[in-house]
Structure formats: C-alpha cells, structure tokens
PDB file of N, CA and C in Angstrom:
ATOM      1  N   LEU A   1      96.410  97.744  80.432  1.00  0.00           N
ATOM      2  CA  LEU A   1      95.564  96.601  80.205  1.00  0.00           C
ATOM      3  C   LEU A   1      94.427  96.911  79.236  1.00  0.00           C
ATOM      4  N   LYS A   2      94.486  98.062  78.626  1.00  0.00           N
ATOM      5  CA  LYS A   2      93.440  98.434  77.681  1.00  0.00           C
ATOM      6  C   LYS A   2      93.624  97.678  76.369  1.00  0.00           C
ATOM      7  N   ASN A   3      92.520  97.463  75.686  1.00  0.00           N
ATOM      8  CA  ASN A   3      92.484  96.835  74.367  1.00  0.00           C
ATOM      9  C   ASN A   3      92.941  95.387  74.368  1.00  0.00           C
ATOM     10  N   LEU A   4      92.948  94.727  75.508  1.00  0.00           N
ATOM     11  CA  LEU A   4      93.329  93.319  75.547  1.00  0.00           C
ATOM     12  C   LEU A   4      92.126  92.397  75.360  1.00  0.00           C
ATOM     13  N   GLU A   5      90.928  92.972  75.366  1.00  0.00           N
ATOM     14  CA  GLU A   5      89.729  92.169  75.162  1.00  0.00           C
ATOM     15  C   GLU A   5      89.772  91.445  73.821  1.00  0.00           C
ATOM     16  N   ASN A   6      90.435  92.051  72.836  1.00  0.00           N
ATOM     17  CA  ASN A   6      90.532  91.445  71.504  1.00  0.00           C
ATOM     18  C   ASN A   6      91.233  90.096  71.531  1.00  0.00           C
ATOM     19  N   ILE A   7      92.064  89.864  72.533  1.00  0.00           N
ATOM     20  CA  ILE A   7      92.762  88.579  72.627  1.00  0.00           C
ATOM     21  C   ILE A   7      92.265  87.760  73.824  1.00  0.00           C
ATOM     22  N   GLY A   8      91.089  88.099  74.330  1.00  0.00           N
ATOM     23  CA  GLY A   8      90.448  87.307  75.362  1.00  0.00           C
ATOM     24  C   GLY A   8      90.816  87.639  76.787  1.00  0.00           C
ATOM     25  N   ILE A   9      91.454  88.786  77.006  1.00  0.00           N
ATOM     26  CA  ILE A   9      91.830  89.178  78.363  1.00  0.00           C
ATOM     27  C   ILE A   9      90.884  90.276  78.831  1.00  0.00           C
ATOM     28  N   ILE A  10      90.084  89.935  79.839  1.00  0.00           N
ATOM     29  CA  ILE A  10      89.136  90.896  80.398  1.00  0.00           C
ATOM     30  C   ILE A  10      89.432  90.999  81.885  1.00  0.00           C
ATOM     31  N   THR A  11      89.805  92.193  82.324  1.00  0.00           N
ATOM     32  CA  THR A  11      90.128  92.370  83.738  1.00  0.00           C
ATOM     33  C   THR A  11      88.959  93.001  84.478  1.00  0.00           C
ATOM     34  N   ASP A  12      88.922  92.741  85.763  1.00  0.00           N
ATOM     35  CA  ASP A  12      87.921  93.332  86.645  1.00  0.00           C
ATOM     36  C   ASP A  12      88.562  94.564  87.271  1.00  0.00           C
ATOM     37  N   PRO A  13      88.074  95.769  86.977  1.00  0.00           N
ATOM     38  CA  PRO A  13      88.721  96.982  87.483  1.00  0.00           C
ATOM     39  C   PRO A  13      88.767  97.063  89.009  1.00  0.00           C
ATOM     40  N   VAL A  14      87.761  96.541  89.684  1.00  0.00           N
ATOM     41  CA  VAL A  14      87.749  96.576  91.155  1.00  0.00           C
ATOM     42  C   VAL A  14      88.844  95.668  91.705  1.00  0.00           C
ATOM     43  N   LEU A  15      88.948  94.450  91.172  1.00  0.00           N
ATOM     44  CA  LEU A  15      90.003  93.533  91.608  1.00  0.00           C
ATOM     45  C   LEU A  15      91.377  94.103  91.287  1.00  0.00           C
ATOM     46  N   ASN A  16      91.510  94.707  90.113  1.00  0.00           N
ATOM     47  CA  ASN A  16      92.798  95.267  89.705  1.00  0.00           C
ATOM     48  C   ASN A  16      93.238  96.379  90.655  1.00  0.00           C
ATOM     49  N   ARG A  17      92.320  97.276  91.003  1.00  0.00           N
ATOM     50  CA  ARG A  17      92.661  98.380  91.910  1.00  0.00           C
ATOM     51  C   ARG A  17      92.998  97.889  93.316  1.00  0.00           C
ATOM     52  N   ALA A  18      92.500  96.725  93.698  1.00  0.00           N
ATOM     53  CA  ALA A  18      92.757  96.189  95.043  1.00  0.00           C
ATOM     54  C   ALA A  18      94.159  95.602  95.178  1.00  0.00           C
ATOM     55  N   MET A  19      94.859  95.403  94.076  1.00  0.00           N
ATOM     56  CA  MET A  19      96.180  94.768  94.110  1.00  0.00           C
ATOM     57  C   MET A  19      97.269  95.814  94.320  1.00  0.00           C
ATOM     58  N   VAL A  20      97.407  96.274  95.554  1.00  0.00           N
ATOM     59  CA  VAL A  20      98.425  97.256  95.924  1.00  0.00           C
ATOM     60  C   VAL A  20      99.211  96.738  97.119  1.00  0.00           C
ATOM     61  N   SER A  21     100.336  97.343  97.365  1.00  0.00           N
ATOM     62  CA  SER A  21     101.159  97.042  98.547  1.00  0.00           C
ATOM     63  C   SER A  21     101.528  95.569  98.648  1.00  0.00           C
ATOM     64  N   GLY A  22     101.918  94.989  97.527  1.00  0.00           N
ATOM     65  CA  GLY A  22     102.387  93.608  97.545  1.00  0.00           C
ATOM     66  C   GLY A  22     101.306  92.548  97.513  1.00  0.00           C
ATOM     67  N   ARG A  23     100.060  92.954  97.368  1.00  0.00           N
ATOM     68  CA  ARG A  23      98.978  91.960  97.308  1.00  0.00           C
ATOM     69  C   ARG A  23      99.058  91.172  96.019  1.00  0.00           C
ATOM     70  N   GLU A  24      98.659  89.929  96.090  1.00  0.00           N
ATOM     71  CA  GLU A  24      98.633  89.048  94.931  1.00  0.00           C
ATOM     72  C   GLU A  24      97.231  88.487  94.770  1.00  0.00           C
ATOM     73  N   GLY A  25      96.869  88.198  93.544  1.00  0.00           N
ATOM     74  CA  GLY A  25      95.570  87.579  93.326  1.00  0.00           C
ATOM     75  C   GLY A  25      95.123  87.678  91.887  1.00  0.00           C
ATOM     76  N   LYS A  26      93.975  87.105  91.634  1.00  0.00           N
ATOM     77  CA  LYS A  26      93.399  87.095  90.294  1.00  0.00           C
ATOM     78  C   LYS A  26      92.717  88.429  90.032  1.00  0.00           C
ATOM     79  N   ILE A  27      92.956  88.997  88.846  1.00  0.00           N
ATOM     80  CA  ILE A  27      92.303  90.254  88.476  1.00  0.00           C
ATOM     81  C   ILE A  27      91.446  90.106  87.225  1.00  0.00           C
ATOM     82  N   SER A  28      91.368  88.910  86.681  1.00  0.00           N
ATOM     83  CA  SER A  28      90.540  88.721  85.496  1.00  0.00           C
ATOM     84  C   SER A  28      89.069  88.695  85.893  1.00  0.00           C
ATOM     85  N   ALA A  29      88.239  89.170  84.987  1.00  0.00           N
ATOM     86  CA  ALA A  29      86.797  89.161  85.206  1.00  0.00           C
ATOM     87  C   ALA A  29      86.290  87.726  85.130  1.00  0.00           C
ATOM     88  N   ALA A  30      85.162  87.471  85.759  1.00  0.00           N
ATOM     89  CA  ALA A  30      84.577  86.131  85.738  1.00  0.00           C
ATOM     90  C   ALA A  30      84.297  85.675  84.308  1.00  0.00           C
ATOM     91  N   SER A  31      84.005  86.606  83.418  1.00  0.00           N
ATOM     92  CA  SER A  31      83.686  86.275  82.024  1.00  0.00           C
ATOM     93  C   SER A  31      84.916  86.144  81.132  1.00  0.00           C
ATOM     94  N   SER A  32      86.091  86.396  81.663  1.00  0.00           N
ATOM     95  CA  SER A  32      87.313  86.359  80.861  1.00  0.00           C
ATOM     96  C   SER A  32      87.726  84.921  80.563  1.00  0.00           C
ATOM     97  N   PRO A  33      87.938  84.580  79.280  1.00  0.00           N
ATOM     98  CA  PRO A  33      88.421  83.237  78.960  1.00  0.00           C
ATOM     99  C   PRO A  33      89.878  83.025  79.378  1.00  0.00           C
ATOM    100  N   VAL A  34      90.587  84.119  79.609  1.00  0.00           N
ATOM    101  CA  VAL A  34      91.989  84.056  80.032  1.00  0.00           C
ATOM    102  C   VAL A  34      92.060  84.521  81.481  1.00  0.00           C
ATOM    103  N   LYS A  35      92.703  83.740  82.325  1.00  0.00           N
ATOM    104  CA  LYS A  35      92.869  84.120  83.728  1.00  0.00           C
ATOM    105  C   LYS A  35      94.109  84.993  83.865  1.00  0.00           C
ATOM    106  N   VAL A  36      93.989  86.087  84.609  1.00  0.00           N
ATOM    107  CA  VAL A  36      95.080  87.042  84.794  1.00  0.00           C
ATOM    108  C   VAL A  36      95.332  87.199  86.288  1.00  0.00           C
ATOM    109  N   PHE A  37      96.611  87.074  86.679  1.00  0.00           N
ATOM    110  CA  PHE A  37      96.986  87.167  88.083  1.00  0.00           C
ATOM    111  C   PHE A  37      98.053  88.232  88.278  1.00  0.00           C
ATOM    112  N   VAL A  38      98.042  88.854  89.451  1.00  0.00           N
ATOM    113  CA  VAL A  38      99.095  89.773  89.870  1.00  0.00           C
ATOM    114  C   VAL A  38      99.977  89.003  90.841  1.00  0.00           C
ATOM    115  N   ILE A  39     101.285  89.040  90.589  1.00  0.00           N
ATOM    116  CA  ILE A  39     102.250  88.369  91.451  1.00  0.00           C
ATOM    117  C   ILE A  39     103.262  89.406  91.902  1.00  0.00           C
ATOM    118  N   ALA A  40     103.372  89.589  93.203  1.00  0.00           N
ATOM    119  CA  ALA A  40     104.296  90.583  93.758  1.00  0.00           C
ATOM    120  C   ALA A  40     105.742  90.143  93.535  1.00  0.00           C
ATOM    121  N   THR A  41     106.577  91.099  93.178  1.00  0.00           N
ATOM    122  CA  THR A  41     108.004  90.828  93.010  1.00  0.00           C
ATOM    123  C   THR A  41     108.809  91.961  93.632  1.00  0.00           C
ATOM    124  N   ASP A  42     110.035  91.661  93.933  1.00  0.00           N
ATOM    125  CA  ASP A  42     110.977  92.675  94.401  1.00  0.00           C
ATOM    126  C   ASP A  42     112.101  92.694  93.369  1.00  0.00           C
ATOM    127  N   GLU A  43     111.871  93.415  92.283  1.00  0.00           N
ATOM    128  CA  GLU A  43     112.806  93.416  91.164  1.00  0.00           C
ATOM    129  C   GLU A  43     114.178  93.940  91.554  1.00  0.00           C
ATOM    130  N   GLU A  44     114.219  94.945  92.397  1.00  0.00           N
ATOM    131  CA  GLU A  44     115.518  95.496  92.808  1.00  0.00           C
ATOM    132  C   GLU A  44     116.332  94.453  93.559  1.00  0.00           C
ATOM    133  N   LEU A  45     115.695  93.680  94.430  1.00  0.00           N
ATOM    134  CA  LEU A  45     116.390  92.628  95.161  1.00  0.00           C
ATOM    135  C   LEU A  45     116.892  91.552  94.210  1.00  0.00           C
ATOM    136  N   MET A  46     116.094  91.171  93.247  1.00  0.00           N
ATOM    137  CA  MET A  46     116.505  90.141  92.292  1.00  0.00           C
ATOM    138  C   MET A  46     117.690  90.614  91.451  1.00  0.00           C
ATOM    139  N   ILE A  47     117.655  91.858  91.008  1.00  0.00           N
ATOM    140  CA  ILE A  47     118.772  92.407  90.235  1.00  0.00           C
ATOM    141  C   ILE A  47     120.023  92.443  91.091  1.00  0.00           C
ATOM    142  N   SER A  48     119.880  92.851  92.342  1.00  0.00           N
ATOM    143  CA  SER A  48     121.019  92.898  93.256  1.00  0.00           C
ATOM    144  C   SER A  48     121.628  91.516  93.449  1.00  0.00           C
ATOM    145  N   ARG A  49     120.804  90.514  93.638  1.00  0.00           N
ATOM    146  CA  ARG A  49     121.303  89.143  93.814  1.00  0.00           C
ATOM    147  C   ARG A  49     122.013  88.645  92.562  1.00  0.00           C
ATOM    148  N   LEU A  50     121.443  88.936  91.404  1.00  0.00           N
ATOM    149  CA  LEU A  50     122.090  88.515  90.158  1.00  0.00           C
ATOM    150  C   LEU A  50     123.429  89.219  89.970  1.00  0.00           C
ATOM    151  N   ALA A  51     123.472  90.506  90.277  1.00  0.00           N
ATOM    152  CA  ALA A  51     124.724  91.257  90.154  1.00  0.00           C
ATOM    153  C   ALA A  51     125.763  90.720  91.124  1.00  0.00           C
ATOM    154  N   ASP A  52     125.341  90.352  92.325  1.00  0.00           N
ATOM    155  CA  ASP A  52     126.260  89.804  93.319  1.00  0.00           C
ATOM    156  C   ASP A  52     126.853  88.485  92.839  1.00  0.00           C
ATOM    157  N   LYS A  53     126.061  87.663  92.178  1.00  0.00           N
ATOM    158  CA  LYS A  53     126.553  86.388  91.651  1.00  0.00           C
ATOM    159  C   LYS A  53     127.582  86.592  90.544  1.00  0.00           C
ATOM    160  N   MET A  54     127.503  87.714  89.851  1.00  0.00           N
ATOM    161  CA  MET A  54     128.408  87.980  88.736  1.00  0.00           C
ATOM    162  C   MET A  54     129.777  88.446  89.213  1.00  0.00           C
ATOM    163  N   THR A  55     129.888  88.857  90.466  1.00  0.00           N
ATOM    164  CA  THR A  55     131.168  89.374  90.957  1.00  0.00           C
ATOM    165  C   THR A  55     131.939  88.322  91.710  1.00  0.00           C
TER     166      THR A  55
END
C-alpha cells in the first residue's frame, strides 16, 4: 500500500493492522479522498467450487 498517496489513497496503519483473521472493515484514513476496505475471502474455496463446476 506504499506510494498510493499520489492517487488519493491514504490508509490508516492502525486500522490496517487490525484487519486479521477474517476481519473486514475500512482501512482508509479519515483524510483519504478514496475509501479503502478489506473484504475477507476464501480464495481456495472459490477456486475449488469453480473447478467442480468445470467437471
């Protein structure tokens, strides 16, 4: 997430570090013109489901 300030993305390091173990939420700083969110996913499960549909 470094060097994204140039395009208006400013993250809050405390909020960002709090997003572990499947937590979801906003990590953008209050001053950020762009809102940034963390959304939990289970990529392995999604790939497995897609592969199952192909067979």
